[in-house]
């Protein structure tokens, strides 16, 4: 019984088994949610309100992409990426 290198890569690396469209969709949706959250509170210059609006939206997005096949840790990472986008978008609206 001989196991090829390709089989070991697929077994060892679960990232290759994740649908890339689910990951791309999660990143795009959280980025859009972060930008909209920053835009809604752009006149107040208070990032806390933007984060409070962003968190429930991002949890829903993370739950959906987890159901579609993304691991939970990657879904949490996508939420963190969205927070970074939120900070930069909020900073953009602050100096505009």
PDB file of N, CA and C in Angstrom:
ATOM      1  N   UNK A   1       0.850  -1.173   0.000  1.00  0.00           N
ATOM      2  CA  UNK A   1       0.000   0.000   0.000  1.00  0.00           C
ATOM      3  C   UNK A   1       0.892   1.231   0.000  1.00  0.00           C
ATOM      4  N   UNK A   2       0.875   1.940  -1.088  1.00  0.00           N
ATOM      5  CA  UNK A   2       1.710   3.119  -1.240  1.00  0.00           C
ATOM      6  C   UNK A   2       0.828   4.364  -1.247  1.00  0.00           C
ATOM      7  N   UNK A   3       1.180   5.338  -0.410  1.00  0.00           N
ATOM      8  CA  UNK A   3       0.419   6.584  -0.329  1.00  0.00           C
ATOM      9  C   UNK A   3       1.214   7.658  -1.058  1.00  0.00           C
ATOM     10  N   UNK A   4       0.554   8.361  -1.940  1.00  0.00           N
ATOM     11  CA  UNK A   4       1.248   9.392  -2.718  1.00  0.00           C
ATOM     12  C   UNK A   4       1.364  10.682  -1.904  1.00  0.00           C
ATOM     13  N   UNK A   5       2.233  11.546  -2.380  1.00  0.00           N
ATOM     14  CA  UNK A   5       2.470  12.825  -1.709  1.00  0.00           C
ATOM     15  C   UNK A   5       1.214  13.687  -1.757  1.00  0.00           C
ATOM     16  N   UNK A   6       0.491  13.648  -2.855  1.00  0.00           N
ATOM     17  CA  UNK A   6      -0.723  14.456  -2.982  1.00  0.00           C
ATOM     18  C   UNK A   6      -1.771  14.068  -1.938  1.00  0.00           C
ATOM     19  N   UNK A   7      -1.889  12.775  -1.659  1.00  0.00           N
ATOM     20  CA  UNK A   7      -2.843  12.331  -0.651  1.00  0.00           C
ATOM     21  C   UNK A   7      -2.458  12.831   0.736  1.00  0.00           C
ATOM     22  N   UNK A   8      -1.181  12.831   1.057  1.00  0.00           N
ATOM     23  CA  UNK A   8      -0.731  13.329   2.363  1.00  0.00           C
ATOM     24  C   UNK A   8      -0.979  14.822   2.505  1.00  0.00           C
ATOM     25  N   UNK A   9      -0.793  15.572   1.444  1.00  0.00           N
ATOM     26  CA  UNK A   9      -1.024  17.012   1.510  1.00  0.00           C
ATOM     27  C   UNK A   9      -2.499  17.290   1.788  1.00  0.00           C
ATOM     28  N   UNK A  10      -3.383  16.582   1.122  1.00  0.00           N
ATOM     29  CA  UNK A  10      -4.811  16.811   1.331  1.00  0.00           C
ATOM     30  C   UNK A  10      -5.259  16.387   2.718  1.00  0.00           C
ATOM     31  N   UNK A  11      -4.677  15.338   3.262  1.00  0.00           N
ATOM     32  CA  UNK A  11      -5.053  14.875   4.592  1.00  0.00           C
ATOM     33  C   UNK A  11      -4.484  15.790   5.665  1.00  0.00           C
ATOM     34  N   UNK A  12      -3.252  16.235   5.495  1.00  0.00           N
ATOM     35  CA  UNK A  12      -2.592  17.042   6.517  1.00  0.00           C
ATOM     36  C   UNK A  12      -3.048  18.492   6.519  1.00  0.00           C
ATOM     37  N   UNK A  13      -3.372  19.024   5.379  1.00  0.00           N
ATOM     38  CA  UNK A  13      -3.702  20.435   5.290  1.00  0.00           C
ATOM     39  C   UNK A  13      -5.190  20.583   4.985  1.00  0.00           C
ATOM     40  N   UNK A  14      -5.960  20.886   6.006  1.00  0.00           N
ATOM     41  CA  UNK A  14      -7.404  21.010   5.827  1.00  0.00           C
ATOM     42  C   UNK A  14      -7.800  22.302   5.130  1.00  0.00           C
ATOM     43  N   UNK A  15      -6.872  23.262   5.031  1.00  0.00           N
ATOM     44  CA  UNK A  15      -7.192  24.492   4.318  1.00  0.00           C
ATOM     45  C   UNK A  15      -7.458  24.242   2.841  1.00  0.00           C
ATOM     46  N   UNK A  16      -6.878  23.177   2.305  1.00  0.00           N
ATOM     47  CA  UNK A  16      -7.116  22.862   0.901  1.00  0.00           C
ATOM     48  C   UNK A  16      -8.520  22.333   0.667  1.00  0.00           C
ATOM     49  N   UNK A  17      -9.174  21.877   1.704  1.00  0.00           N
ATOM     50  CA  UNK A  17     -10.518  21.321   1.562  1.00  0.00           C
ATOM     51  C   UNK A  17     -11.614  22.372   1.733  1.00  0.00           C
ATOM     52  N   UNK A  18     -11.256  23.589   2.115  1.00  0.00           N
ATOM     53  CA  UNK A  18     -12.241  24.645   2.345  1.00  0.00           C
ATOM     54  C   UNK A  18     -12.598  25.288   1.005  1.00  0.00           C
ATOM     55  N   UNK A  19     -13.859  25.564   0.827  1.00  0.00           N
ATOM     56  CA  UNK A  19     -14.321  26.240  -0.383  1.00  0.00           C
ATOM     57  C   UNK A  19     -13.804  27.680  -0.390  1.00  0.00           C
ATOM     58  N   UNK A  20     -13.021  28.068  -1.397  1.00  0.00           N
ATOM     59  CA  UNK A  20     -12.463  29.428  -1.404  1.00  0.00           C
ATOM     60  C   UNK A  20     -13.530  30.504  -1.581  1.00  0.00           C
ATOM     61  N   UNK A  21     -14.650  30.168  -2.204  1.00  0.00           N
ATOM     62  CA  UNK A  21     -15.709  31.154  -2.375  1.00  0.00           C
ATOM     63  C   UNK A  21     -16.388  31.489  -1.048  1.00  0.00           C
ATOM     64  N   UNK A  22     -16.438  30.544  -0.144  1.00  0.00           N
ATOM     65  CA  UNK A  22     -16.984  30.798   1.186  1.00  0.00           C
ATOM     66  C   UNK A  22     -16.063  31.762   1.940  1.00  0.00           C
ATOM     67  N   UNK A  23     -14.766  31.534   1.839  1.00  0.00           N
ATOM     68  CA  UNK A  23     -13.815  32.423   2.507  1.00  0.00           C
ATOM     69  C   UNK A  23     -13.848  33.821   1.901  1.00  0.00           C
ATOM     70  N   UNK A  24     -13.850  33.899   0.590  1.00  0.00           N
ATOM     71  CA  UNK A  24     -13.889  35.199  -0.079  1.00  0.00           C
ATOM     72  C   UNK A  24     -15.186  35.933   0.246  1.00  0.00           C
ATOM     73  N   UNK A  25     -16.295  35.211   0.243  1.00  0.00           N
ATOM     74  CA  UNK A  25     -17.575  35.824   0.595  1.00  0.00           C
ATOM     75  C   UNK A  25     -17.594  36.332   2.025  1.00  0.00           C
ATOM     76  N   UNK A  26     -17.008  35.562   2.944  1.00  0.00           N
ATOM     77  CA  UNK A  26     -16.945  36.004   4.335  1.00  0.00           C
ATOM     78  C   UNK A  26     -16.102  37.249   4.510  1.00  0.00           C
ATOM     79  N   UNK A  27     -14.969  37.292   3.825  1.00  0.00           N
ATOM     80  CA  UNK A  27     -14.098  38.470   3.917  1.00  0.00           C
ATOM     81  C   UNK A  27     -14.782  39.690   3.311  1.00  0.00           C
ATOM     82  N   UNK A  28     -15.423  39.517   2.167  1.00  0.00           N
ATOM     83  CA  UNK A  28     -16.103  40.649   1.532  1.00  0.00           C
ATOM     84  C   UNK A  28     -17.280  41.139   2.369  1.00  0.00           C
ATOM     85  N   UNK A  29     -18.069  40.214   2.895  1.00  0.00           N
ATOM     86  CA  UNK A  29     -19.228  40.629   3.694  1.00  0.00           C
ATOM     87  C   UNK A  29     -18.822  41.318   4.987  1.00  0.00           C
ATOM     88  N   UNK A  30     -17.791  40.820   5.653  1.00  0.00           N
ATOM     89  CA  UNK A  30     -17.359  41.491   6.883  1.00  0.00           C
ATOM     90  C   UNK A  30     -16.717  42.841   6.584  1.00  0.00           C
ATOM     91  N   UNK A  31     -16.028  42.941   5.455  1.00  0.00           N
ATOM     92  CA  UNK A  31     -15.453  44.238   5.078  1.00  0.00           C
ATOM     93  C   UNK A  31     -16.550  45.250   4.778  1.00  0.00           C
ATOM     94  N   UNK A  32     -17.574  44.815   4.073  1.00  0.00           N
ATOM     95  CA  UNK A  32     -18.703  45.707   3.782  1.00  0.00           C
ATOM     96  C   UNK A  32     -19.423  46.102   5.063  1.00  0.00           C
ATOM     97  N   UNK A  33     -19.617  45.136   5.962  1.00  0.00           N
ATOM     98  CA  UNK A  33     -20.278  45.435   7.241  1.00  0.00           C
ATOM     99  C   UNK A  33     -19.452  46.415   8.062  1.00  0.00           C
ATOM    100  N   UNK A  34     -18.142  46.256   8.047  1.00  0.00           N
ATOM    101  CA  UNK A  34     -17.269  47.168   8.788  1.00  0.00           C
ATOM    102  C   UNK A  34     -17.316  48.565   8.196  1.00  0.00           C
ATOM    103  N   UNK A  35     -17.291  48.654   6.882  1.00  0.00           N
ATOM    104  CA  UNK A  35     -17.325  49.961   6.231  1.00  0.00           C
ATOM    105  C   UNK A  35     -18.659  50.663   6.487  1.00  0.00           C
ATOM    106  N   UNK A  36     -19.746  49.918   6.421  1.00  0.00           N
ATOM    107  CA  UNK A  36     -21.062  50.509   6.688  1.00  0.00           C
ATOM    108  C   UNK A  36     -21.178  50.936   8.149  1.00  0.00           C
ATOM    109  N   UNK A  37     -20.654  50.130   9.073  1.00  0.00           N
ATOM    110  CA  UNK A  37     -20.692  50.499  10.496  1.00  0.00           C
ATOM    111  C   UNK A  37     -19.904  51.772  10.754  1.00  0.00           C
ATOM    112  N   UNK A  38     -18.767  51.912  10.101  1.00  0.00           N
ATOM    113  CA  UNK A  38     -17.986  53.140  10.260  1.00  0.00           C
ATOM    114  C   UNK A  38     -18.691  54.326   9.617  1.00  0.00           C
ATOM    115  N   UNK A  39     -19.355  54.088   8.498  1.00  0.00           N
ATOM    116  CA  UNK A  39     -20.040  55.177   7.791  1.00  0.00           C
ATOM    117  C   UNK A  39     -21.257  55.679   8.568  1.00  0.00           C
ATOM    118  N   UNK A  40     -21.989  54.770   9.203  1.00  0.00           N
ATOM    119  CA  UNK A  40     -23.192  55.161   9.938  1.00  0.00           C
ATOM    120  C   UNK A  40     -22.846  56.125  11.067  1.00  0.00           C
ATOM    121  N   UNK A  41     -21.738  55.874  11.736  1.00  0.00           N
ATOM    122  CA  UNK A  41     -21.345  56.735  12.855  1.00  0.00           C
ATOM    123  C   UNK A  41     -20.167  57.641  12.484  1.00  0.00           C
ATOM    124  N   UNK A  42     -20.087  58.049  11.228  1.00  0.00           N
ATOM    125  CA  UNK A  42     -18.956  58.883  10.799  1.00  0.00           C
ATOM    126  C   UNK A  42     -19.031  60.296  11.376  1.00  0.00           C
ATOM    127  N   UNK A  43     -20.219  60.790  11.664  1.00  0.00           N
ATOM    128  CA  UNK A  43     -20.351  62.136  12.203  1.00  0.00           C
ATOM    129  C   UNK A  43     -20.049  62.224  13.690  1.00  0.00           C
ATOM    130  N   UNK A  44     -20.068  61.118  14.397  1.00  0.00           N
ATOM    131  CA  UNK A  44     -19.869  61.155  15.841  1.00  0.00           C
ATOM    132  C   UNK A  44     -18.406  60.994  16.248  1.00  0.00           C
ATOM    133  N   UNK A  45     -17.595  60.427  15.384  1.00  0.00           N
ATOM    134  CA  UNK A  45     -16.175  60.150  15.663  1.00  0.00           C
ATOM    135  C   UNK A  45     -16.004  59.279  16.907  1.00  0.00           C
ATOM    136  N   UNK A  46     -16.958  58.377  17.118  1.00  0.00           N
ATOM    137  CA  UNK A  46     -16.901  57.461  18.257  1.00  0.00           C
ATOM    138  C   UNK A  46     -16.854  56.038  17.728  1.00  0.00           C
ATOM    139  N   UNK A  47     -15.686  55.425  17.818  1.00  0.00           N
ATOM    140  CA  UNK A  47     -15.505  54.081  17.257  1.00  0.00           C
ATOM    141  C   UNK A  47     -16.232  53.022  18.083  1.00  0.00           C
ATOM    142  N   UNK A  48     -16.507  53.319  19.340  1.00  0.00           N
ATOM    143  CA  UNK A  48     -17.196  52.349  20.186  1.00  0.00           C
ATOM    144  C   UNK A  48     -18.589  52.046  19.639  1.00  0.00           C
ATOM    145  N   UNK A  49     -19.303  53.047  19.169  1.00  0.00           N
ATOM    146  CA  UNK A  49     -20.627  52.836  18.596  1.00  0.00           C
ATOM    147  C   UNK A  49     -20.529  51.997  17.325  1.00  0.00           C
ATOM    148  N   UNK A  50     -19.502  52.242  16.531  1.00  0.00           N
ATOM    149  CA  UNK A  50     -19.320  51.471  15.299  1.00  0.00           C
ATOM    150  C   UNK A  50     -19.037  50.011  15.601  1.00  0.00           C
ATOM    151  N   UNK A  51     -18.229  49.750  16.620  1.00  0.00           N
ATOM    152  CA  UNK A  51     -17.905  48.376  16.997  1.00  0.00           C
ATOM    153  C   UNK A  51     -19.139  47.671  17.546  1.00  0.00           C
ATOM    154  N   UNK A  52     -19.943  48.381  18.331  1.00  0.00           N
ATOM    155  CA  UNK A  52     -21.162  47.790  18.876  1.00  0.00           C
ATOM    156  C   UNK A  52     -22.131  47.427  17.749  1.00  0.00           C
ATOM    157  N   UNK A  53     -22.177  48.196  16.679  1.00  0.00           N
ATOM    158  CA  UNK A  53     -23.008  47.856  15.537  1.00  0.00           C
ATOM    159  C   UNK A  53     -22.401  46.715  14.726  1.00  0.00           C
ATOM    160  N   UNK A  54     -21.075  46.684  14.611  1.00  0.00           N
ATOM    161  CA  UNK A  54     -20.393  45.696  13.770  1.00  0.00           C
ATOM    162  C   UNK A  54     -20.425  44.281  14.359  1.00  0.00           C
ATOM    163  N   UNK A  55     -20.273  44.139  15.646  1.00  0.00           N
ATOM    164  CA  UNK A  55     -20.133  42.815  16.277  1.00  0.00           C
ATOM    165  C   UNK A  55     -21.319  41.895  15.997  1.00  0.00           C
ATOM    166  N   UNK A  56     -22.573  42.296  16.209  1.00  0.00           N
ATOM    167  CA  UNK A  56     -23.672  41.351  15.919  1.00  0.00           C
ATOM    168  C   UNK A  56     -23.759  40.970  14.435  1.00  0.00           C
ATOM    169  N   UNK A  57     -23.491  41.932  13.558  1.00  0.00           N
ATOM    170  CA  UNK A  57     -23.521  41.639  12.126  1.00  0.00           C
ATOM    171  C   UNK A  57     -22.439  40.636  11.767  1.00  0.00           C
ATOM    172  N   UNK A  58     -21.249  40.823  12.313  1.00  0.00           N
ATOM    173  CA  UNK A  58     -20.145  39.924  11.983  1.00  0.00           C
ATOM    174  C   UNK A  58     -20.350  38.532  12.580  1.00  0.00           C
ATOM    175  N   UNK A  59     -21.006  38.450  13.715  1.00  0.00           N
ATOM    176  CA  UNK A  59     -21.292  37.138  14.297  1.00  0.00           C
ATOM    177  C   UNK A  59     -22.261  36.360  13.407  1.00  0.00           C
ATOM    178  N   UNK A  60     -23.233  37.043  12.852  1.00  0.00           N
ATOM    179  CA  UNK A  60     -24.162  36.389  11.932  1.00  0.00           C
ATOM    180  C   UNK A  60     -23.420  35.907  10.682  1.00  0.00           C
ATOM    181  N   UNK A  61     -22.549  36.752  10.132  1.00  0.00           N
ATOM    182  CA  UNK A  61     -21.776  36.374   8.948  1.00  0.00           C
ATOM    183  C   UNK A  61     -20.871  35.192   9.266  1.00  0.00           C
ATOM    184  N   UNK A  62     -20.205  35.225  10.415  1.00  0.00           N
ATOM    185  CA  UNK A  62     -19.318  34.125  10.802  1.00  0.00           C
ATOM    186  C   UNK A  62     -20.088  32.827  11.004  1.00  0.00           C
ATOM    187  N   UNK A  63     -21.282  32.917  11.549  1.00  0.00           N
ATOM    188  CA  UNK A  63     -22.107  31.722  11.725  1.00  0.00           C
ATOM    189  C   UNK A  63     -22.503  31.128  10.380  1.00  0.00           C
ATOM    190  N   UNK A  64     -22.858  31.976   9.450  1.00  0.00           N
ATOM    191  CA  UNK A  64     -23.260  31.494   8.123  1.00  0.00           C
ATOM    192  C   UNK A  64     -22.086  30.832   7.410  1.00  0.00           C
ATOM    193  N   UNK A  65     -20.902  31.456   7.444  1.00  0.00           N
ATOM    194  CA  UNK A  65     -19.784  30.838   6.724  1.00  0.00           C
ATOM    195  C   UNK A  65     -19.285  29.585   7.446  1.00  0.00           C
ATOM    196  N   UNK A  66     -19.499  29.497   8.747  1.00  0.00           N
ATOM    197  CA  UNK A  66     -19.167  28.263   9.458  1.00  0.00           C
ATOM    198  C   UNK A  66     -20.123  27.142   9.054  1.00  0.00           C
ATOM    199  N   UNK A  67     -21.389  27.469   8.904  1.00  0.00           N
ATOM    200  CA  UNK A  67     -22.361  26.474   8.449  1.00  0.00           C
ATOM    201  C   UNK A  67     -22.031  26.022   7.024  1.00  0.00           C
ATOM    202  N   UNK A  68     -21.523  26.945   6.201  1.00  0.00           N
ATOM    203  CA  UNK A  68     -21.193  26.608   4.820  1.00  0.00           C
ATOM    204  C   UNK A  68     -19.882  25.833   4.684  1.00  0.00           C
ATOM    205  N   UNK A  69     -19.144  25.643   5.776  1.00  0.00           N
ATOM    206  CA  UNK A  69     -17.980  24.773   5.712  1.00  0.00           C
ATOM    207  C   UNK A  69     -16.668  25.357   6.161  1.00  0.00           C
ATOM    208  N   UNK A  70     -16.644  26.577   6.605  1.00  0.00           N
ATOM    209  CA  UNK A  70     -15.399  27.171   7.085  1.00  0.00           C
ATOM    210  C   UNK A  70     -15.169  26.766   8.544  1.00  0.00           C
ATOM    211  N   UNK A  71     -13.921  26.475   8.929  1.00  0.00           N
ATOM    212  CA  UNK A  71     -13.660  26.181  10.347  1.00  0.00           C
ATOM    213  C   UNK A  71     -13.938  27.397  11.238  1.00  0.00           C
ATOM    214  N   UNK A  72     -14.252  27.133  12.467  1.00  0.00           N
ATOM    215  CA  UNK A  72     -14.613  28.203  13.411  1.00  0.00           C
ATOM    216  C   UNK A  72     -13.456  29.175  13.612  1.00  0.00           C
ATOM    217  N   UNK A  73     -12.240  28.677  13.695  1.00  0.00           N
ATOM    218  CA  UNK A  73     -11.095  29.556  13.945  1.00  0.00           C
ATOM    219  C   UNK A  73     -10.877  30.524  12.782  1.00  0.00           C
ATOM    220  N   UNK A  74     -11.159  30.079  11.579  1.00  0.00           N
ATOM    221  CA  UNK A  74     -11.034  30.977  10.427  1.00  0.00           C
ATOM    222  C   UNK A  74     -12.165  31.996  10.433  1.00  0.00           C
ATOM    223  N   UNK A  75     -13.340  31.600  10.860  1.00  0.00           N
ATOM    224  CA  UNK A  75     -14.455  32.541  10.970  1.00  0.00           C
ATOM    225  C   UNK A  75     -14.155  33.630  11.999  1.00  0.00           C
ATOM    226  N   UNK A  76     -13.536  33.249  13.096  1.00  0.00           N
ATOM    227  CA  UNK A  76     -13.142  34.230  14.112  1.00  0.00           C
ATOM    228  C   UNK A  76     -12.061  35.155  13.558  1.00  0.00           C
ATOM    229  N   UNK A  77     -11.153  34.604  12.789  1.00  0.00           N
ATOM    230  CA  UNK A  77     -10.119  35.432  12.155  1.00  0.00           C
ATOM    231  C   UNK A  77     -10.699  36.418  11.168  1.00  0.00           C
ATOM    232  N   UNK A  78     -11.737  36.020  10.466  1.00  0.00           N
ATOM    233  CA  UNK A  78     -12.385  36.931   9.526  1.00  0.00           C
ATOM    234  C   UNK A  78     -13.077  38.068  10.283  1.00  0.00           C
ATOM    235  N   UNK A  79     -13.629  37.777  11.460  1.00  0.00           N
ATOM    236  CA  UNK A  79     -14.203  38.844  12.295  1.00  0.00           C
ATOM    237  C   UNK A  79     -13.107  39.826  12.706  1.00  0.00           C
ATOM    238  N   UNK A  80     -11.949  39.301  13.085  1.00  0.00           N
ATOM    239  CA  UNK A  80     -10.825  40.168  13.438  1.00  0.00           C
ATOM    240  C   UNK A  80     -10.358  41.012  12.271  1.00  0.00           C
ATOM    241  N   UNK A  81     -10.336  40.421  11.070  1.00  0.00           N
ATOM    242  CA  UNK A  81      -9.975  41.183   9.879  1.00  0.00           C
ATOM    243  C   UNK A  81     -10.972  42.313   9.660  1.00  0.00           C
ATOM    244  N   UNK A  82     -12.248  42.037   9.873  1.00  0.00           N
ATOM    245  CA  UNK A  82     -13.265  43.070   9.731  1.00  0.00           C
ATOM    246  C   UNK A  82     -13.092  44.196  10.733  1.00  0.00           C
ATOM    247  N   UNK A  83     -12.636  43.865  11.935  1.00  0.00           N
ATOM    248  CA  UNK A  83     -12.365  44.921  12.928  1.00  0.00           C
ATOM    249  C   UNK A  83     -11.237  45.838  12.471  1.00  0.00           C
ATOM    250  N   UNK A  84     -10.225  45.265  11.837  1.00  0.00           N
ATOM    251  CA  UNK A  84      -9.134  46.085  11.307  1.00  0.00           C
ATOM    252  C   UNK A  84      -9.657  47.004  10.205  1.00  0.00           C
ATOM    253  N   UNK A  85     -10.498  46.465   9.333  1.00  0.00           N
ATOM    254  CA  UNK A  85     -11.109  47.288   8.285  1.00  0.00           C
ATOM    255  C   UNK A  85     -11.958  48.387   8.908  1.00  0.00           C
ATOM    256  N   UNK A  86     -12.676  48.062   9.973  1.00  0.00           N
ATOM    257  CA  UNK A  86     -13.500  49.052  10.671  1.00  0.00           C
ATOM    258  C   UNK A  86     -12.648  50.180  11.238  1.00  0.00           C
ATOM    259  N   UNK A  87     -11.521  49.849  11.813  1.00  0.00           N
ATOM    260  CA  UNK A  87     -10.642  50.871  12.390  1.00  0.00           C
ATOM    261  C   UNK A  87     -10.117  51.793  11.301  1.00  0.00           C
ATOM    262  N   UNK A  88      -9.674  51.216  10.187  1.00  0.00           N
ATOM    263  CA  UNK A  88      -9.162  52.055   9.102  1.00  0.00           C
ATOM    264  C   UNK A  88     -10.272  52.881   8.454  1.00  0.00           C
ATOM    265  N   UNK A  89     -11.449  52.321   8.289  1.00  0.00           N
ATOM    266  CA  UNK A  89     -12.555  53.074   7.709  1.00  0.00           C
ATOM    267  C   UNK A  89     -12.992  54.193   8.643  1.00  0.00           C
ATOM    268  N   UNK A  90     -13.029  53.910   9.931  1.00  0.00           N
ATOM    269  CA  UNK A  90     -13.392  54.936  10.899  1.00  0.00           C
ATOM    270  C   UNK A  90     -12.369  56.063  10.903  1.00  0.00           C
ATOM    271  N   UNK A  91     -11.100  55.704  10.793  1.00  0.00           N
ATOM    272  CA  UNK A  91     -10.046  56.708  10.721  1.00  0.00           C
ATOM    273  C   UNK A  91     -10.185  57.547   9.450  1.00  0.00           C
ATOM    274  N   UNK A  92     -10.562  56.915   8.353  1.00  0.00           N
ATOM    275  CA  UNK A  92     -10.761  57.629   7.102  1.00  0.00           C
ATOM    276  C   UNK A  92     -11.882  58.663   7.235  1.00  0.00           C
ATOM    277  N   UNK A  93     -13.002  58.257   7.842  1.00  0.00           N
ATOM    278  CA  UNK A  93     -14.124  59.176   8.001  1.00  0.00           C
ATOM    279  C   UNK A  93     -13.827  60.249   9.036  1.00  0.00           C
ATOM    280  N   UNK A  94     -12.935  59.968   9.989  1.00  0.00           N
ATOM    281  CA  UNK A  94     -12.590  60.965  11.015  1.00  0.00           C
ATOM    282  C   UNK A  94     -11.842  62.132  10.398  1.00  0.00           C
ATOM    283  N   UNK A  95     -10.928  61.866   9.471  1.00  0.00           N
ATOM    284  CA  UNK A  95     -10.128  62.912   8.877  1.00  0.00           C
ATOM    285  C   UNK A  95     -10.718  63.468   7.589  1.00  0.00           C
ATOM    286  N   UNK A  96     -11.905  63.021   7.206  1.00  0.00           N
ATOM    287  CA  UNK A  96     -12.526  63.499   5.982  1.00  0.00           C
ATOM    288  C   UNK A  96     -13.211  64.819   6.203  1.00  0.00           C
TER     289      UNK A  96
END
